[in-house]
Amino acid sequence: MTACAICPQTAPDGQHACPRCADVLRGWLAELPQQARLLASEFLTPSAQAAQGRIGGTGRATAPVPVDLRVLTLLGPGRHDPVPGTDDDGTAPIAAVLAAWAGHIAYHHPAAYRDPHGTAYTRPCEQAIPHHGPTITGWCAWLTAYLPYALGLPLVADLHRGLGDLIHHIRSLTHATPHRHPKTAPCPSCDSFALVAVDGRWGITCTACGCHLEPLEYEEHAAAVLHAHQARQAAETFPLDKIVT
């Protein structure tokens, strides 16, 4: 086990992100296409009526802004540099951010090829090609597919920061967040009743201590807690030292 590059938890051998942080990344990638559709359907609408005032009797005093320009920027074309330390005001287009990270990860992925003479070589991949096209959905699908590889690279911490900044910026506009579902069993690590499942994420996380459980692990834990509770109730109802034979 090694230290997670994102949080104080530990990561599996050969990886730089713990299961909880990996699950958060998968959740964000699943959420981004839905947030983009929400931006397009709810915010790309006329935001102002035509101004009625006139200057000199002809022409409009002011031109109406037909859409929310912040949303138009997020959904439009553009470019983005994922390298930390570059200038970024947080308004880079969603597709550009995703494409840049896909290309950055692809560059670290080795590709085998042969030259015309049959000699085998290994070199970085030239580009990332999403099977579903260079759309927000396509790039999210590509990044999700290659996330297991990215987890083994130190850059996963910067990927987490970049996607986190992007998703929180979008949520500040849509005010839409995934639903949280509190669990009934206490955390097996700290005994707090703080285990929560979040839509789009596979695992279940304790908001008090950060303990992360797979669904099957939680089901087994919840069953054991319930069995222990039932056994205590039975012992209190029918104490052995008071049974008359």
Protein backbone atom coordinates (compact mmCIF):
# COMPACT_ATOMS: atom_id res chain seq x y z
CA MET A 1 0.00 0.00 0.00
CA THR A 2 1.18 3.53 -0.79
CA ALA A 3 0.02 7.00 0.18
CA CYS A 4 -2.78 8.45 -1.92
CA ALA A 5 -1.59 11.52 -3.85
CA ILE A 6 -4.96 13.20 -3.31
CA CYS A 7 -6.07 12.51 0.28
CA PRO A 8 -4.63 11.07 3.51
CA GLN A 9 -5.90 7.55 2.72
CA THR A 10 -3.72 4.75 1.32
CA ALA A 11 -3.71 3.60 -2.29
CA PRO A 12 -3.33 0.06 -3.62
CA ASP A 13 0.15 -1.00 -4.69
CA GLY A 14 1.07 0.48 -8.05
CA GLN A 15 -1.55 3.22 -7.88
CA HIS A 16 -1.45 6.86 -6.80
CA ALA A 17 -5.11 7.22 -5.79
CA CYS A 18 -7.11 5.43 -3.09
CA PRO A 19 -10.35 3.59 -4.02
CA ARG A 20 -12.43 6.49 -2.67
CA CYS A 21 -10.70 9.14 -4.84
CA ALA A 22 -10.83 6.82 -7.85
CA ASP A 23 -14.56 6.42 -7.30
CA VAL A 24 -14.97 10.21 -7.10
CA LEU A 25 -13.23 10.57 -10.46
CA ARG A 26 -15.52 7.97 -12.05
CA GLY A 27 -18.52 9.77 -10.58
CA TRP A 28 -17.45 13.12 -12.02
CA LEU A 29 -16.92 11.59 -15.46
CA ALA A 30 -20.40 10.06 -15.31
CA GLU A 31 -21.89 13.38 -14.14
CA LEU A 32 -20.29 15.73 -16.68
CA PRO A 33 -22.37 14.69 -19.73
CA GLN A 34 -25.56 15.10 -17.69
CA GLN A 35 -24.46 18.53 -16.44
CA ALA A 36 -23.63 19.56 -20.01
CA ARG A 37 -27.11 18.55 -21.18
CA LEU A 38 -28.60 20.53 -18.30
CA LEU A 39 -26.55 23.59 -19.25
CA ALA A 40 -27.72 23.35 -22.85
CA SER A 41 -31.40 22.82 -22.07
CA GLU A 42 -31.81 25.23 -19.18
CA PHE A 43 -29.39 28.06 -19.85
CA LEU A 44 -29.02 28.51 -23.60
CA THR A 45 -32.23 30.56 -23.81
CA PRO A 46 -32.85 34.26 -24.45
CA SER A 47 -31.89 36.18 -21.32
CA ALA A 48 -33.18 39.60 -22.25
CA GLN A 49 -35.86 41.23 -24.37
CA ALA A 50 -34.92 43.68 -27.09
CA ALA A 51 -34.28 47.14 -25.68
CA GLN A 52 -36.97 49.66 -26.58
CA GLY A 53 -34.88 52.81 -26.26
CA ARG A 54 -33.53 54.48 -29.39
CA ILE A 55 -30.70 56.87 -30.09
CA GLY A 56 -31.44 59.64 -32.56
CA GLY A 57 -34.71 57.98 -33.43
CA THR A 58 -33.14 55.00 -35.21
CA GLY A 59 -31.40 51.83 -34.09
CA ARG A 60 -31.50 49.98 -30.76
CA ALA A 61 -29.96 51.60 -27.71
CA THR A 62 -28.52 48.24 -26.57
CA ALA A 63 -28.39 44.78 -28.12
CA PRO A 64 -29.93 41.89 -26.19
CA VAL A 65 -27.66 39.11 -24.97
CA PRO A 66 -29.30 35.96 -26.41
CA VAL A 67 -27.66 33.41 -24.10
CA ASP A 68 -25.66 33.11 -20.90
CA LEU A 69 -22.14 33.75 -22.17
CA ARG A 70 -20.55 31.70 -19.36
CA VAL A 71 -22.50 28.65 -20.49
CA LEU A 72 -21.77 29.35 -24.13
CA THR A 73 -18.05 29.31 -23.30
CA LEU A 74 -18.31 26.03 -21.39
CA LEU A 75 -20.15 24.30 -24.23
CA GLY A 76 -18.20 25.87 -27.07
CA PRO A 77 -14.91 25.01 -28.80
CA GLY A 78 -11.48 25.93 -27.49
CA ARG A 79 -8.27 24.57 -26.10
CA HIS A 80 -6.88 23.80 -22.66
CA ASP A 81 -3.48 22.94 -21.24
CA PRO A 82 -3.68 20.41 -18.40
CA VAL A 83 -0.10 21.03 -17.22
CA PRO A 84 -0.15 22.50 -13.68
CA GLY A 85 0.94 26.12 -13.42
CA THR A 86 -0.50 27.27 -16.71
CA ASP A 87 -2.91 30.17 -16.80
CA ASP A 88 -6.50 29.06 -16.38
CA ASP A 89 -9.33 31.33 -15.28
CA GLY A 90 -11.71 28.41 -14.83
CA THR A 91 -13.73 29.10 -17.97
CA ALA A 92 -12.16 26.62 -20.38
CA PRO A 93 -14.68 24.69 -22.49
CA ILE A 94 -15.69 21.33 -21.02
CA ALA A 95 -14.79 19.33 -24.14
CA ALA A 96 -11.42 21.08 -24.39
CA VAL A 97 -10.54 20.22 -20.77
CA LEU A 98 -11.50 16.59 -21.26
CA ALA A 99 -9.68 16.31 -24.59
CA ALA A 100 -6.53 17.84 -23.13
CA TRP A 101 -6.49 15.36 -20.26
CA ALA A 102 -7.15 12.45 -22.61
CA GLY A 103 -4.22 13.53 -24.77
CA HIS A 104 -2.00 14.00 -21.71
CA ILE A 105 -2.80 10.49 -20.46
CA ALA A 106 -2.43 8.98 -23.94
CA TYR A 107 1.06 10.45 -24.24
CA HIS A 108 2.14 8.39 -21.23
CA HIS A 109 0.59 5.20 -22.61
CA PRO A 110 3.13 3.11 -24.55
CA ALA A 111 2.29 2.14 -28.13
CA ALA A 112 4.03 -0.68 -30.01
CA TYR A 113 4.63 -0.40 -33.77
CA ARG A 114 6.91 -1.71 -36.51
CA ASP A 115 8.77 0.28 -39.13
CA PRO A 116 8.76 -0.74 -42.81
CA HIS A 117 11.74 -3.04 -42.11
CA GLY A 118 9.85 -4.96 -39.44
CA THR A 119 11.76 -3.56 -36.46
CA ALA A 120 9.55 -3.25 -33.37
CA TYR A 121 9.51 0.00 -31.39
CA THR A 122 7.70 1.32 -28.35
CA ARG A 123 6.86 5.00 -28.09
CA PRO A 124 4.15 7.22 -26.56
CA CYS A 125 0.75 7.24 -28.22
CA GLU A 126 0.31 10.13 -30.63
CA GLN A 127 -3.26 10.95 -29.67
CA ALA A 128 -6.41 9.84 -27.89
CA ILE A 129 -9.31 8.82 -30.13
CA PRO A 130 -12.75 8.48 -28.47
CA HIS A 131 -14.90 5.82 -30.13
CA HIS A 132 -18.06 7.88 -29.57
CA GLY A 133 -16.61 10.99 -31.21
CA PRO A 134 -14.85 14.08 -29.76
CA THR A 135 -17.84 15.14 -27.69
CA ILE A 136 -18.20 15.61 -23.96
CA THR A 137 -19.80 12.17 -23.71
CA GLY A 138 -17.14 10.64 -25.93
CA TRP A 139 -14.24 12.09 -23.96
CA CYS A 140 -15.79 11.08 -20.63
CA ALA A 141 -16.18 7.52 -21.93
CA TRP A 142 -12.52 7.51 -23.05
CA LEU A 143 -11.26 8.85 -19.73
CA THR A 144 -13.37 6.34 -17.81
CA ALA A 145 -11.98 3.48 -19.88
CA TYR A 146 -8.39 4.58 -19.33
CA LEU A 147 -8.82 5.63 -15.70
CA PRO A 148 -7.32 2.34 -14.39
CA TYR A 149 -4.13 3.24 -16.28
CA ALA A 150 -4.22 6.88 -15.13
CA LEU A 151 -4.48 5.76 -11.49
CA GLY A 152 -0.98 4.37 -11.83
CA LEU A 153 0.46 7.73 -12.88
CA PRO A 154 1.45 10.61 -10.55
CA LEU A 155 -0.58 12.95 -12.78
CA VAL A 156 -3.80 11.51 -11.32
CA ALA A 157 -3.63 14.13 -8.54
CA ASP A 158 -3.65 16.93 -11.13
CA LEU A 159 -6.44 15.17 -13.02
CA HIS A 160 -8.48 15.09 -9.81
CA ARG A 161 -7.85 18.79 -9.23
CA GLY A 162 -8.65 19.75 -12.82
CA LEU A 163 -11.89 17.77 -13.06
CA GLY A 164 -12.87 18.87 -9.56
CA ASP A 165 -12.45 22.55 -10.45
CA LEU A 166 -14.47 22.01 -13.62
CA ILE A 167 -17.37 20.14 -12.02
CA HIS A 168 -17.67 22.60 -9.13
CA HIS A 169 -17.68 25.54 -11.55
CA ILE A 170 -20.50 23.90 -13.53
CA ARG A 171 -22.46 23.08 -10.37
CA SER A 172 -22.23 26.72 -9.33
CA LEU A 173 -24.23 27.52 -12.47
CA THR A 174 -26.70 24.63 -12.54
CA HIS A 175 -27.07 24.24 -8.76
CA ALA A 176 -27.49 20.52 -9.50
CA THR A 177 -25.60 17.96 -7.43
CA PRO A 178 -25.84 14.16 -7.31
CA HIS A 179 -28.25 12.80 -4.72
CA ARG A 180 -26.75 11.45 -1.50
CA HIS A 181 -28.23 8.36 0.14
CA PRO A 182 -27.33 7.88 3.84
CA LYS A 183 -26.88 4.26 4.89
CA THR A 184 -28.36 2.76 8.04
CA ALA A 185 -25.38 0.74 9.26
CA PRO A 186 -22.57 2.49 11.17
CA CYS A 187 -19.10 2.85 9.71
CA PRO A 188 -17.00 -0.26 10.41
CA SER A 189 -13.96 1.95 11.01
CA CYS A 190 -15.20 4.75 13.29
CA ASP A 191 -18.74 3.57 14.26
CA SER A 192 -20.24 6.87 13.04
CA PHE A 193 -23.57 6.77 11.25
CA ALA A 194 -22.04 8.65 8.34
CA LEU A 195 -21.88 6.13 5.50
CA VAL A 196 -23.25 7.67 2.30
CA ALA A 197 -23.83 6.46 -1.25
CA VAL A 198 -23.77 9.09 -4.01
CA ASP A 199 -25.47 8.78 -7.39
CA GLY A 200 -22.92 7.95 -10.07
CA ARG A 201 -20.37 6.48 -7.66
CA TRP A 202 -19.89 2.78 -7.16
CA GLY A 203 -18.71 2.71 -3.56
CA ILE A 204 -19.98 3.90 -0.20
CA THR A 205 -17.97 6.40 1.82
CA CYS A 206 -17.94 7.49 5.45
CA THR A 207 -18.11 11.29 5.58
CA ALA A 208 -16.60 11.24 9.09
CA CYS A 209 -13.40 9.25 8.57
CA GLY A 210 -13.17 8.60 4.83
CA CYS A 211 -13.59 4.82 5.05
CA HIS A 212 -14.62 3.48 1.64
CA LEU A 213 -16.57 0.27 1.06
CA GLU A 214 -17.53 -1.62 -2.05
CA PRO A 215 -21.29 -2.34 -2.26
CA LEU A 216 -20.80 -6.04 -1.45
CA GLU A 217 -18.57 -5.13 1.51
CA TYR A 218 -21.27 -2.82 2.84
CA GLU A 219 -24.00 -5.45 2.41
CA GLU A 220 -21.93 -8.00 4.36
CA HIS A 221 -21.16 -5.42 7.05
CA ALA A 222 -24.82 -4.33 7.32
CA ALA A 223 -25.93 -7.95 7.59
CA ALA A 224 -23.41 -8.60 10.37
CA VAL A 225 -24.55 -5.48 12.25
CA LEU A 226 -28.20 -6.52 11.92
CA HIS A 227 -27.43 -10.07 13.09
CA ALA A 228 -25.55 -8.76 16.14
CA HIS A 229 -28.42 -6.39 16.95
CA GLN A 230 -30.99 -9.18 16.70
CA ALA A 231 -28.86 -11.43 18.91
CA ARG A 232 -28.64 -8.72 21.58
CA GLN A 233 -32.40 -8.20 21.45
CA ALA A 234 -33.00 -11.93 21.84
CA ALA A 235 -30.62 -12.12 24.81
CA GLU A 236 -32.37 -9.20 26.52
CA THR A 237 -35.82 -10.71 25.90
CA PHE A 238 -34.92 -14.24 26.94
CA PRO A 239 -31.89 -14.09 29.30
CA LEU A 240 -30.32 -17.50 29.79
CA ASP A 241 -30.00 -17.14 33.55
CA LYS A 242 -33.79 -16.82 33.93
CA ILE A 243 -34.93 -19.72 31.78
CA VAL A 244 -36.98 -22.19 33.86
CA THR A 245 -36.87 -25.84 32.86
